[in-house]
Protein backbone atom coordinates (compact mmCIF):
# COMPACT_ATOMS: atom_id res chain seq x y z
CA UNK A 1 124.30 80.52 57.84
CA UNK A 2 127.42 82.54 59.12
CA UNK A 3 126.53 85.49 56.91
CA UNK A 4 122.94 85.47 58.10
CA UNK A 5 124.11 85.23 61.78
CA UNK A 6 126.52 88.22 61.18
CA UNK A 7 123.73 90.42 59.63
CA UNK A 8 121.29 89.38 62.38
CA UNK A 9 123.75 90.47 65.18
CA UNK A 10 124.50 93.68 63.19
CA UNK A 11 120.81 94.54 63.04
CA UNK A 12 120.47 93.80 66.75
CA UNK A 13 123.49 95.95 67.69
CA UNK A 14 122.36 98.85 65.58
CA UNK A 15 118.78 98.82 67.06
CA UNK A 16 120.05 98.47 70.64
CA UNK A 17 122.58 101.39 70.27
CA UNK A 18 120.10 103.65 68.37
CA UNK A 19 117.28 103.09 70.87
CA UNK A 20 119.65 103.46 73.77
CA UNK A 21 120.61 106.90 72.60
CA UNK A 22 117.00 107.73 72.28
CA UNK A 23 116.58 106.30 75.94
CA UNK A 24 114.20 103.57 74.74
CA UNK A 25 114.51 100.18 76.17
CA UNK A 26 116.46 97.29 74.61
CA UNK A 27 113.40 95.08 74.56
CA UNK A 28 111.95 97.21 71.73
CA UNK A 29 115.12 96.73 69.87
CA UNK A 30 114.83 92.94 70.08
CA UNK A 31 111.27 93.03 68.91
CA UNK A 32 112.25 95.13 65.88
CA UNK A 33 115.20 92.89 65.19
CA UNK A 34 112.86 89.89 65.19
CA UNK A 35 110.57 91.59 62.76
CA UNK A 36 113.44 92.59 60.42
CA UNK A 37 115.19 89.25 60.58
CA UNK A 38 112.01 87.30 60.17
CA UNK A 39 110.44 85.57 57.15
CA UNK A 40 108.54 88.70 56.00
CA UNK A 41 111.38 91.11 55.70
CA UNK A 42 115.04 89.99 55.38
CA UNK A 43 114.15 86.25 55.67
CA UNK A 44 117.39 85.61 57.63
CA UNK A 45 115.74 83.06 59.81
CA UNK A 46 112.52 81.04 59.98
CA UNK A 47 110.57 80.61 63.20
CA UNK A 48 111.85 77.17 63.88
CA UNK A 49 111.53 74.91 66.91
CA UNK A 50 114.87 76.22 68.06
CA UNK A 51 113.71 79.79 68.15
CA UNK A 52 110.54 78.72 69.87
CA UNK A 53 112.52 76.74 72.48
CA UNK A 54 114.71 79.68 73.17
CA UNK A 55 111.67 81.86 73.55
CA UNK A 56 110.22 79.37 75.98
CA UNK A 57 113.23 79.59 78.12
CA UNK A 58 113.00 83.31 78.09
CA UNK A 59 109.51 83.00 79.43
CA UNK A 60 110.69 80.81 82.23
CA UNK A 61 113.36 83.22 83.20
CA UNK A 62 110.89 86.00 83.08
CA UNK A 63 108.46 84.19 85.43
CA UNK A 64 111.39 83.10 87.69
CA UNK A 65 112.63 86.77 87.90
CA UNK A 66 109.18 88.00 88.82
CA UNK A 67 108.86 85.36 91.52
CA UNK A 68 112.21 86.40 92.98
CA UNK A 69 110.88 89.84 93.54
CA UNK A 70 108.01 88.58 95.58
CA UNK A 71 108.64 87.60 99.15
CA UNK A 72 106.37 87.54 102.13
CA UNK A 73 108.05 90.36 103.93
CA UNK A 74 107.84 92.70 100.97
CA UNK A 75 104.20 91.81 100.32
CA UNK A 76 103.33 92.51 104.02
CA UNK A 77 105.22 95.85 104.12
CA UNK A 78 103.53 97.03 100.90
CA UNK A 79 100.19 95.44 101.45
CA UNK A 80 98.04 98.58 101.36
CA UNK A 81 99.67 99.86 98.17
CA UNK A 82 99.72 96.50 96.26
CA UNK A 83 96.17 95.26 97.12
CA UNK A 84 94.62 98.79 97.19
CA UNK A 85 96.14 100.66 94.31
CA UNK A 86 96.98 97.52 92.40
CA UNK A 87 93.54 96.01 92.59
CA UNK A 88 91.77 99.37 91.85
CA UNK A 89 93.97 99.88 88.81
CA UNK A 90 93.21 96.44 87.27
CA UNK A 91 89.55 96.53 88.10
CA UNK A 92 89.22 100.05 86.65
CA UNK A 93 91.01 99.21 83.42
CA UNK A 94 88.85 95.98 82.95
CA UNK A 95 85.62 97.77 83.69
CA UNK A 96 86.39 100.38 81.18
CA UNK A 97 87.61 97.93 78.41
CA UNK A 98 84.83 95.30 78.79
CA UNK A 99 81.92 97.31 77.20
CA UNK A 100 84.26 98.32 74.46
CA UNK A 101 85.28 94.81 73.56
CA UNK A 102 81.81 93.38 73.94
CA UNK A 103 80.25 96.00 71.70
CA UNK A 104 82.84 95.84 69.07
CA UNK A 105 83.50 92.10 68.77
CA UNK A 106 81.62 88.90 68.62
CA UNK A 107 83.40 87.33 71.57
CA UNK A 108 81.51 85.57 74.45
CA UNK A 109 81.30 87.47 77.79
CA UNK A 110 83.99 85.21 79.29
CA UNK A 111 86.25 86.04 76.26
CA UNK A 112 85.78 89.80 76.80
CA UNK A 113 86.41 89.52 80.52
CA UNK A 114 89.56 87.56 79.82
CA UNK A 115 90.94 90.00 77.15
CA UNK A 116 90.13 93.02 79.42
CA UNK A 117 92.03 91.45 82.31
CA UNK A 118 94.92 90.51 79.98
CA UNK A 119 95.11 94.13 78.47
CA UNK A 120 94.98 95.43 82.19
CA UNK A 121 98.45 93.90 82.82
CA UNK A 122 101.42 95.96 81.93
CA UNK A 123 105.01 95.18 80.91
CA UNK A 124 106.87 94.45 84.11
CA UNK A 125 110.32 94.08 82.33
CA UNK A 126 110.04 97.29 80.39
CA UNK A 127 108.59 99.39 83.10
CA UNK A 128 111.05 98.29 85.80
CA UNK A 129 113.87 99.08 83.37
CA UNK A 130 112.31 102.46 82.49
CA UNK A 131 112.16 103.39 86.26
CA UNK A 132 115.73 102.27 86.72
CA UNK A 133 116.99 104.30 83.65
CA UNK A 134 115.02 107.41 84.69
CA UNK A 135 116.23 107.17 88.36
CA UNK A 136 112.52 107.02 89.58
CA UNK A 137 112.42 103.57 91.27
CA UNK A 138 112.95 105.04 94.67
CA UNK A 139 110.50 107.86 94.47
CA UNK A 140 106.99 107.76 95.55
CA UNK A 141 105.77 107.48 92.00
CA UNK A 142 108.27 104.60 91.35
CA UNK A 143 107.16 102.63 94.48
CA UNK A 144 103.50 102.98 93.58
CA UNK A 145 104.31 101.78 90.03
CA UNK A 146 106.18 98.85 91.37
CA UNK A 147 103.27 97.98 93.78
CA UNK A 148 100.88 97.99 90.90
CA UNK A 149 103.20 95.67 88.88
CA UNK A 150 103.62 93.52 91.82
CA UNK A 151 99.81 93.09 92.17
CA UNK A 152 99.60 92.28 88.46
CA UNK A 153 102.25 89.60 88.90
CA UNK A 154 100.25 88.05 91.72
CA UNK A 155 96.97 88.28 89.78
CA UNK A 156 98.71 86.19 87.01
CA UNK A 157 98.47 83.11 89.11
CA UNK A 158 94.67 82.79 89.39
CA UNK A 159 94.36 84.04 85.64
CA UNK A 160 96.58 81.18 84.52
CA UNK A 161 94.41 78.74 86.55
CA UNK A 162 91.13 80.29 85.17
CA UNK A 163 92.31 79.86 81.52
CA UNK A 164 90.18 76.63 81.03
CA UNK A 165 87.16 78.50 82.27
CA UNK A 166 87.84 81.51 79.84
CA UNK A 167 88.33 79.05 77.00
CA UNK A 168 84.91 77.56 77.59
CA UNK A 169 86.22 74.07 78.57
CA UNK A 170 84.91 74.43 82.07
CA UNK A 171 81.91 76.57 83.26
CA UNK A 172 81.91 75.58 86.84
CA UNK A 173 83.13 78.82 88.39
CA UNK A 174 82.64 77.69 91.88
CA UNK A 175 84.92 74.69 91.46
CA UNK A 176 87.43 76.97 89.68
CA UNK A 177 87.43 79.44 92.53
CA UNK A 178 88.00 76.56 95.01
CA UNK A 179 90.82 75.30 92.88
CA UNK A 180 92.41 78.82 92.81
CA UNK A 181 91.94 79.14 96.60
CA UNK A 182 93.60 75.67 97.22
CA UNK A 183 96.37 76.62 94.66
CA UNK A 184 97.23 79.94 96.43
CA UNK A 185 97.21 78.29 99.94
CA UNK A 186 99.39 75.57 98.57
CA UNK A 187 101.80 78.14 97.17
CA UNK A 188 102.08 79.93 100.43
CA UNK A 189 102.61 76.72 102.42
CA UNK A 190 105.08 75.54 99.82
CA UNK A 191 107.00 78.77 100.17
CA UNK A 192 107.30 78.44 103.97
CA UNK A 193 107.93 74.77 104.11
CA UNK A 194 110.08 74.04 100.99
CA UNK A 195 112.04 77.33 101.39
CA UNK A 196 112.86 76.82 105.00
CA UNK A 197 113.39 73.04 105.33
CA UNK A 198 114.61 72.04 101.89
CA UNK A 199 116.00 74.88 99.82
CA UNK A 200 117.84 76.69 102.60
CA UNK A 201 119.92 73.58 103.55
CA UNK A 202 120.46 72.57 99.85
CA UNK A 203 121.63 76.12 98.98
CA UNK A 204 123.89 76.21 102.00
CA UNK A 205 125.60 73.09 100.90
CA UNK A 206 126.13 74.49 97.30
CA UNK A 207 127.23 77.92 98.77
CA UNK A 208 129.99 76.23 100.73
CA UNK A 209 131.52 74.89 97.63
CA UNK A 210 132.20 78.53 96.56
CA UNK A 211 131.69 77.44 92.96
CA UNK A 212 129.95 79.89 90.78
CA UNK A 213 129.03 77.07 88.36
CA UNK A 214 127.51 74.84 91.08
CA UNK A 215 125.55 77.80 92.48
CA UNK A 216 124.14 78.71 89.02
CA UNK A 217 123.26 75.03 88.15
CA UNK A 218 121.37 74.72 91.40
CA UNK A 219 119.30 77.63 90.44
CA UNK A 220 118.54 76.08 86.98
CA UNK A 221 117.93 72.85 88.53
CA UNK A 222 115.33 74.37 90.85
CA UNK A 223 113.65 76.29 88.02
CA UNK A 224 113.44 73.13 85.77
CA UNK A 225 112.20 70.81 88.65
CA UNK A 226 109.27 73.14 89.49
CA UNK A 227 108.37 73.80 85.93
CA UNK A 228 108.17 69.90 85.56
CA UNK A 229 106.12 69.49 88.66
CA UNK A 230 103.59 72.22 87.43
CA UNK A 231 103.47 70.46 84.06
CA UNK A 232 102.79 67.13 85.56
CA UNK A 233 99.74 68.43 87.52
CA UNK A 234 98.32 70.27 84.46
CA UNK A 235 99.42 73.81 85.18
CA UNK A 236 101.66 76.02 82.90
CA UNK A 237 105.31 75.69 83.32
CA UNK A 238 105.69 79.29 83.77
CA UNK A 239 103.91 78.96 87.10
CA UNK A 240 106.49 76.52 88.09
CA UNK A 241 109.25 79.06 87.35
CA UNK A 242 107.36 81.70 89.19
CA UNK A 243 107.01 79.36 92.20
CA UNK A 244 110.76 78.65 92.14
CA UNK A 245 111.46 82.30 92.35
CA UNK A 246 109.19 82.79 95.12
CA UNK A 247 110.75 79.89 97.04
CA UNK A 248 114.26 81.34 96.54
CA UNK A 249 113.24 84.82 97.40
CA UNK A 250 112.65 83.55 100.99
CA UNK A 251 116.26 82.45 101.33
CA UNK A 252 119.40 84.48 102.25
CA UNK A 253 120.75 83.84 98.71
CA UNK A 254 118.24 86.01 96.93
CA UNK A 255 120.48 88.91 96.22
CA UNK A 256 123.26 86.69 94.85
CA UNK A 257 120.81 84.64 92.89
CA UNK A 258 119.36 87.80 91.30
CA UNK A 259 122.90 88.99 90.23
CA UNK A 260 123.88 85.52 88.87
CA UNK A 261 120.69 84.98 86.96
CA UNK A 262 120.25 88.52 85.58
CA UNK A 263 122.58 88.18 82.45
CA UNK A 264 121.01 84.83 81.44
CA UNK A 265 117.53 86.15 82.13
CA UNK A 266 118.10 89.17 79.70
CA UNK A 267 119.65 86.93 77.14
CA UNK A 268 116.72 84.48 77.02
CA UNK A 269 114.09 87.11 77.31
CA UNK A 270 115.76 88.82 74.36
CA UNK A 271 115.25 85.45 72.40
CA UNK A 272 111.63 85.62 73.48
CA UNK A 273 110.98 89.08 72.10
CA UNK A 274 112.95 88.23 68.83
CA UNK A 275 110.77 85.15 68.38
CA UNK A 276 107.61 87.30 68.89
CA UNK A 277 108.89 89.68 66.36
CA UNK A 278 109.47 86.91 63.94
CA UNK A 279 105.97 85.37 64.57
CA UNK A 280 104.18 88.59 63.56
CA UNK A 281 102.38 87.82 60.27
CA UNK A 282 103.17 91.13 58.56
CA UNK A 283 101.16 90.62 55.27
CA UNK A 284 97.94 89.54 57.29
CA UNK A 285 98.39 92.33 59.79
CA UNK A 286 99.06 94.85 56.96
CA UNK A 287 95.67 94.28 55.63
CA UNK A 288 94.13 95.23 58.97
CA UNK A 289 96.60 97.94 59.97
CA UNK A 290 93.86 100.43 60.78
CA UNK A 291 92.47 97.96 63.45
CA UNK A 292 95.91 97.73 64.93
CA UNK A 293 96.49 101.54 65.05
CA UNK A 294 92.98 101.95 66.57
CA UNK A 295 93.61 99.22 69.05
CA UNK A 296 96.96 100.58 70.18
CA UNK A 297 95.57 104.21 70.52
CA UNK A 298 92.49 102.92 72.35
CA UNK A 299 94.40 100.77 74.74
CA UNK A 300 96.92 103.39 75.70
CA UNK A 301 94.07 106.09 76.12
CA UNK A 302 91.73 103.91 78.15
CA UNK A 303 94.53 102.63 80.44
CA UNK A 304 95.99 106.11 80.95
CA UNK A 305 92.59 107.53 81.77
CA UNK A 306 91.66 104.66 84.15
CA UNK A 307 94.99 104.64 86.09
CA UNK A 308 95.14 108.41 86.19
CA UNK A 309 91.70 108.48 87.82
CA UNK A 310 92.54 105.84 90.23
CA UNK A 311 95.72 107.62 91.19
CA UNK A 312 93.91 110.93 91.87
CA UNK A 313 91.31 109.29 93.97
CA UNK A 314 94.15 108.18 96.08
CA UNK A 315 95.34 111.67 96.34
CA UNK A 316 98.53 111.18 94.16
CA UNK A 317 99.57 114.63 92.74
CA UNK A 318 98.58 115.10 89.17
CA UNK A 319 102.05 115.11 87.70
CA UNK A 320 102.93 111.85 89.47
CA UNK A 321 99.65 110.37 88.59
CA UNK A 322 100.13 111.12 84.89
CA UNK A 323 103.58 109.73 85.06
CA UNK A 324 102.33 106.50 86.63
CA UNK A 325 99.59 106.11 84.12
CA UNK A 326 101.84 106.66 81.18
CA UNK A 327 104.23 104.11 82.35
CA UNK A 328 101.68 101.47 82.82
CA UNK A 329 99.46 102.33 79.75
CA UNK A 330 100.97 99.59 77.58
CA UNK A 331 100.07 95.80 77.29
CA UNK A 332 102.41 93.45 78.93
CA UNK A 333 104.36 90.12 78.67
CA UNK A 334 101.72 88.26 80.58
CA UNK A 335 99.13 89.16 77.75
CA UNK A 336 101.60 87.85 75.27
CA UNK A 337 102.33 84.77 77.31
CA UNK A 338 98.59 83.90 77.67
CA UNK A 339 98.00 84.41 73.95
CA UNK A 340 101.04 82.23 73.17
CA UNK A 341 99.80 79.61 75.72
CA UNK A 342 96.42 79.62 74.02
CA UNK A 343 97.94 79.08 70.65
CA UNK A 344 100.26 76.32 71.60
CA UNK A 345 97.74 74.54 73.76
CA UNK A 346 94.99 74.58 71.13
CA UNK A 347 92.70 76.69 73.25
CA UNK A 348 90.23 78.55 70.91
CA UNK A 349 88.84 81.14 73.31
CA UNK A 350 89.30 83.73 70.52
CA UNK A 351 89.59 83.45 66.78
CA UNK A 352 93.16 83.00 65.59
CA UNK A 353 93.19 86.18 63.57
CA UNK A 354 92.01 88.10 66.56
CA UNK A 355 94.79 86.64 68.69
CA UNK A 356 97.32 87.92 66.01
CA UNK A 357 95.82 91.39 66.16
CA UNK A 358 96.01 91.43 70.01
CA UNK A 359 99.64 90.24 69.89
CA UNK A 360 100.39 93.10 67.51
CA UNK A 361 98.58 95.72 69.55
CA UNK A 362 100.38 94.78 72.70
CA UNK A 363 103.85 94.69 71.00
CA UNK A 364 103.31 98.09 69.56
CA UNK A 365 102.05 99.58 72.83
CA UNK A 366 105.20 98.34 74.56
CA UNK A 367 107.32 99.91 71.71
CA UNK A 368 105.53 103.28 72.12
CA UNK A 369 105.82 103.63 75.81
CA UNK A 370 109.42 104.93 75.97
CA UNK A 371 108.65 107.45 73.17
CA UNK A 372 105.53 108.76 74.88
CA UNK A 373 107.50 109.19 78.10
CA UNK A 374 110.21 111.11 76.25
CA UNK A 375 107.55 113.37 74.97
CA UNK A 376 106.02 113.76 78.39
CA UNK A 377 109.37 114.77 79.85
CA UNK A 378 109.90 117.44 77.11
CA UNK A 379 106.52 118.87 77.75
CA UNK A 380 107.23 118.99 81.44
CA UNK A 381 110.67 120.53 80.95
CA UNK A 382 109.26 123.25 78.74
CA UNK A 383 106.46 124.04 81.24
CA UNK A 384 103.74 123.15 78.79
CA UNK A 385 102.39 120.32 80.93
CA UNK A 386 102.35 120.46 84.73
CA UNK A 387 105.56 121.59 86.21
CA UNK A 388 109.30 120.48 86.14
CA UNK A 389 109.31 119.81 89.92
CA UNK A 390 111.18 116.67 90.90
CA UNK A 391 109.39 113.61 92.16
CA UNK A 392 108.96 113.23 95.88
CA UNK A 393 110.94 110.63 97.78
CA UNK A 394 109.06 108.14 100.04
CA UNK A 395 109.30 108.52 103.84
CA UNK A 396 111.16 105.39 104.98
CA UNK A 397 109.71 103.16 107.70
CA UNK A 398 111.91 101.74 110.36
CA UNK A 399 112.05 98.29 108.62
CA UNK A 400 112.83 99.88 105.35
CA UNK A 401 115.84 102.08 106.09
CA UNK A 402 118.49 102.11 103.47
CA UNK A 403 122.01 101.33 104.70
CA UNK A 404 124.28 104.38 105.16
CA UNK A 405 127.25 102.12 105.37
CA UNK A 406 128.06 98.96 103.45
CA UNK A 407 130.51 96.48 104.94
CA UNK A 408 132.20 94.23 102.32
CA UNK A 409 133.28 91.19 104.35
CA UNK A 410 132.02 89.82 107.55
CA UNK A 411 135.14 88.32 109.28
CA UNK A 412 136.44 89.50 112.59
CA UNK A 413 137.16 93.11 111.25
CA UNK A 414 133.74 93.37 109.49
CA UNK A 415 132.00 92.18 112.70
CA UNK A 416 133.68 94.73 114.90
CA UNK A 417 132.85 97.55 112.50
CA UNK A 418 129.25 96.28 112.46
CA UNK A 419 129.15 96.33 116.28
CA UNK A 420 130.36 99.93 116.28
CA UNK A 421 127.81 101.01 113.82
CA UNK A 422 124.97 99.16 115.77
CA UNK A 423 126.06 100.97 118.97
CA UNK A 424 125.56 104.30 117.39
CA UNK A 425 122.31 103.23 115.47
CA UNK A 426 123.74 103.83 112.07
CA UNK A 427 122.03 101.86 109.36
CA UNK A 428 124.38 99.30 107.65
CA UNK A 429 124.49 96.04 105.78
CA UNK A 430 127.31 93.55 105.65
CA UNK A 431 128.00 91.22 102.74
CA UNK A 432 130.02 88.00 102.60
CA UNK A 433 130.29 84.87 100.50
CA UNK A 434 131.15 82.62 103.66
CA UNK A 435 127.61 81.19 104.29
CA UNK A 436 128.58 80.19 107.85
CA UNK A 437 129.62 83.64 108.75
CA UNK A 438 126.25 84.96 107.30
CA UNK A 439 124.19 82.45 109.10
CA UNK A 440 126.01 83.00 112.37
CA UNK A 441 125.77 86.74 112.08
CA UNK A 442 122.02 86.68 111.31
CA UNK A 443 121.50 84.48 114.31
CA UNK A 444 123.24 87.11 116.49
CA UNK A 445 121.08 89.85 115.13
CA UNK A 446 123.59 91.39 112.61
CA UNK A 447 122.18 92.78 109.35
CA UNK A 448 124.28 90.60 107.01
CA UNK A 449 123.55 89.19 103.50
CA UNK A 450 124.97 86.45 101.39
CA UNK A 451 126.58 87.86 98.29
CA UNK A 452 129.78 88.51 96.23
CA UNK A 453 130.97 92.08 96.74
CA UNK A 454 132.75 92.01 93.42
CA UNK A 455 129.48 91.80 91.67
CA UNK A 456 127.92 95.20 90.96
CA UNK A 457 124.42 93.79 90.73
CA UNK A 458 124.65 92.46 94.30
CA UNK A 459 125.99 95.83 95.67
CA UNK A 460 123.23 97.79 93.84
CA UNK A 461 120.56 95.31 94.99
CA UNK A 462 121.77 95.70 98.54
CA UNK A 463 121.67 99.54 98.53
CA UNK A 464 124.83 101.00 97.15
CA UNK A 465 123.91 104.18 95.38
CA UNK A 466 125.11 107.63 94.67
CA UNK A 467 124.19 110.28 97.30
CA UNK A 468 122.59 107.66 99.58
CA UNK A 469 125.55 105.59 100.77
CA UNK A 470 127.86 107.60 103.06
CA UNK A 471 130.70 105.10 103.35
CA UNK A 472 131.83 101.67 102.30
CA UNK A 473 134.07 99.41 104.59
CA UNK A 474 136.19 96.81 102.58
CA UNK A 475 137.08 94.30 105.29
CA UNK A 476 138.12 91.41 103.06
CA UNK A 477 141.23 89.42 103.99
CA UNK A 478 142.15 88.66 100.37
CA UNK A 479 144.11 91.52 98.69
CA UNK A 480 142.98 90.66 95.08
CA UNK A 481 139.23 90.34 96.19
CA UNK A 482 139.53 93.77 98.14
CA UNK A 483 141.03 95.39 95.05
CA UNK A 484 138.18 94.05 92.75
CA UNK A 485 135.61 95.15 95.39
CA UNK A 486 137.03 98.73 95.50
CA UNK A 487 136.97 98.95 91.58
CA UNK A 488 133.39 97.56 91.67
CA UNK A 489 132.29 100.13 94.26
CA UNK A 490 134.02 102.98 92.37
CA UNK A 491 132.29 102.01 89.19
CA UNK A 492 128.94 102.52 90.86
CA UNK A 493 129.63 105.48 93.31
CA UNK A 494 132.93 107.17 92.19
CA UNK A 495 132.84 109.68 95.09
CA UNK A 496 131.89 107.50 98.06
CA UNK A 497 134.43 107.26 100.91
CA UNK A 498 136.01 103.80 101.08
CA UNK A 499 137.77 102.60 104.16
CA UNK A 500 139.80 99.47 103.65
CA UNK A 501 141.51 96.71 105.60
CA UNK A 502 144.93 95.87 104.48
CA UNK A 503 147.33 93.11 105.71
CA UNK A 504 150.47 94.86 105.22
CA UNK A 505 151.96 98.10 103.87
CA UNK A 506 152.10 96.99 100.23
CA UNK A 507 148.47 96.05 100.15
CA UNK A 508 147.77 99.35 101.75
CA UNK A 509 149.56 101.37 99.11
CA UNK A 510 147.97 99.28 96.43
CA UNK A 511 144.39 100.10 97.74
CA UNK A 512 145.18 103.78 98.23
CA UNK A 513 146.16 104.02 94.57
CA UNK A 514 142.79 102.73 93.58
CA UNK A 515 141.18 105.61 95.47
CA UNK A 516 140.58 104.28 98.96
CA UNK A 517 140.36 107.06 101.57
CA UNK A 518 142.08 104.95 104.20
CA UNK A 519 143.73 101.58 104.17
CA UNK A 520 145.09 100.61 107.55
CA UNK A 521 147.84 97.94 107.42
CA UNK A 522 146.97 95.41 110.14
CA UNK A 523 150.43 94.23 110.73
CA UNK A 524 151.84 97.57 111.30
CA UNK A 525 149.01 99.01 113.47
CA UNK A 526 149.05 95.95 115.48
CA UNK A 527 152.87 96.34 115.89
CA UNK A 528 152.40 99.92 116.99
CA UNK A 529 149.86 98.90 119.65
CA UNK A 530 152.39 96.30 120.87
CA UNK A 531 155.19 98.89 120.81
CA UNK A 532 153.08 101.39 122.58
CA UNK A 533 152.70 98.90 125.54
CA UNK A 534 156.49 98.22 125.74
CA UNK A 535 157.54 101.86 125.64
CA UNK A 536 154.92 102.72 128.24
CA UNK A 537 156.25 99.89 130.54
CA UNK A 538 159.77 101.20 129.90
CA UNK A 539 158.80 104.75 131.29
CA UNK A 540 158.21 106.85 128.09
CA UNK A 541 155.39 109.36 128.45
CA UNK A 542 152.08 109.12 126.47
CA UNK A 543 152.77 112.25 124.49
CA UNK A 544 156.28 111.07 123.45
CA UNK A 545 155.01 107.70 122.35
CA UNK A 546 152.02 109.30 120.37
CA UNK A 547 154.40 111.74 118.66
CA UNK A 548 156.81 108.85 117.68
CA UNK A 549 153.98 106.82 116.26
CA UNK A 550 152.51 109.78 114.38
CA UNK A 551 155.86 110.42 112.82
CA UNK A 552 155.96 106.85 111.63
CA UNK A 553 152.45 107.02 110.21
CA UNK A 554 153.25 110.30 108.31
CA UNK A 555 153.19 110.11 104.46
CA UNK A 556 151.60 106.70 104.41
CA UNK A 557 154.29 105.21 106.77
CA UNK A 558 157.20 106.56 104.68
CA UNK A 559 159.69 105.74 107.37
CA UNK A 560 158.86 102.08 107.26
CA UNK A 561 159.47 101.65 103.45
CA UNK A 562 162.68 99.77 104.17
CA UNK A 563 160.96 97.24 106.34
CA UNK A 564 161.05 93.71 105.22
CA UNK A 565 157.50 92.65 104.19
CA UNK A 566 155.80 89.44 104.89
CA UNK A 567 155.89 88.55 101.15
CA UNK A 568 159.76 88.80 101.13
CA UNK A 569 160.21 86.49 104.13
CA UNK A 570 161.12 82.99 102.93
């Protein structure tokens, strides 16, 4: 067992490193590792209940992450792109795929409609990672791609509810439509009521504990509780995890939740893709390899053409339209999830062999997308396709301004800095782990969020980025936390100017060694202010006092090196 495990991790490591060098996503590496480690190649592991359970957890985390990205404010701000571009893309792909499937298969009309809609969905996890890796998420192309993915995520709710209809177990479309409407309305009401009156107070109590373990367990408990609720009323557990994410997206803890859950989400999602790779019946699929290759080529071609046409109708420039179409041309996790749900639930909407073929087609299309994008980039750079012009950046609306200054810590110092920035109308965001300070600040109109400034995912999620953030203010009263925050900031944006608060000269010098531009020691500066008043009262001129203070500030307060520090006082 230990040798098998060692070989397995070695296989995963080699694939992840190799594909990372080739700028191909890690999810493809996990799929390949599952295939290699499965019963048909190295036979290191069998697809046991343990692997299936880990894969199911991966599905739950995937749905939770998708729900966490969807909140009412974001939906409203992006409503035209989401429900315009997104709906048009899905409809066009489904319309183009339906006659092909109906003509080539013996499936029912409902079965062809279901598969057309499933194949219209793209891989959210891979596409988002590709946009981040290619630094395209904040371009016009990236935002439109994200909008389409967001619409697909929303569409997954009625598609899950319609599964019994597609499976032929219920043909009352009117009743199903009413069920979907009631379900959607219940979700919206649940997000507003449960999020505001139950989750917010509960998460506030947990946040006051300042325990990372308690915070994480509260998230896990929420996911599990909603999954069980959905299961009890006959809906897929993934829908419960999705709802849990939506509920928490409406709280002030969303950014910290995203950062805390991200490593676990990626881990269990990896298990999901590994189990998928293991489940591929290679001997059977090998006998029908021509159908699989034709299916992969046909799917990518049809989706590319459909999305490209919709994008051009919406006046998207041809290079960006081609980029969007290529990013979204693969199948997605939702299709895999639906096929897996059908298999485990005994729903025979499609022949079992056809489900295997569709699974293989979707997986291979996901694996091919990064390779096709690499070829697309090469053709653009060499001038053989479109031009090498950079992608345009979106015009920001007033409500979507990115922070130019990030304030780490929202105590008395952070609040004063925030007031100064607000007075000059400089966009900023303040971050603090003290939930009371965050709630009070938001009540008073400050732009403050709950989060740990030592966590790089939190800082990135709240806007810290190269060439966009002009300055960072570290206003934390704990020297160790301040140092950790400075190192985290430097790891993301090495050249950004950092202005820090320091309690004394020793802390100031320590922060300056870490690369802080300015670190004002509070005790010294407050003493200078007090001394200024004393000397002024004693009759010294302003110039003389200023010159004296400037001499003492020179060379980082070199004249004060012999002063007894607070730490040395017993």
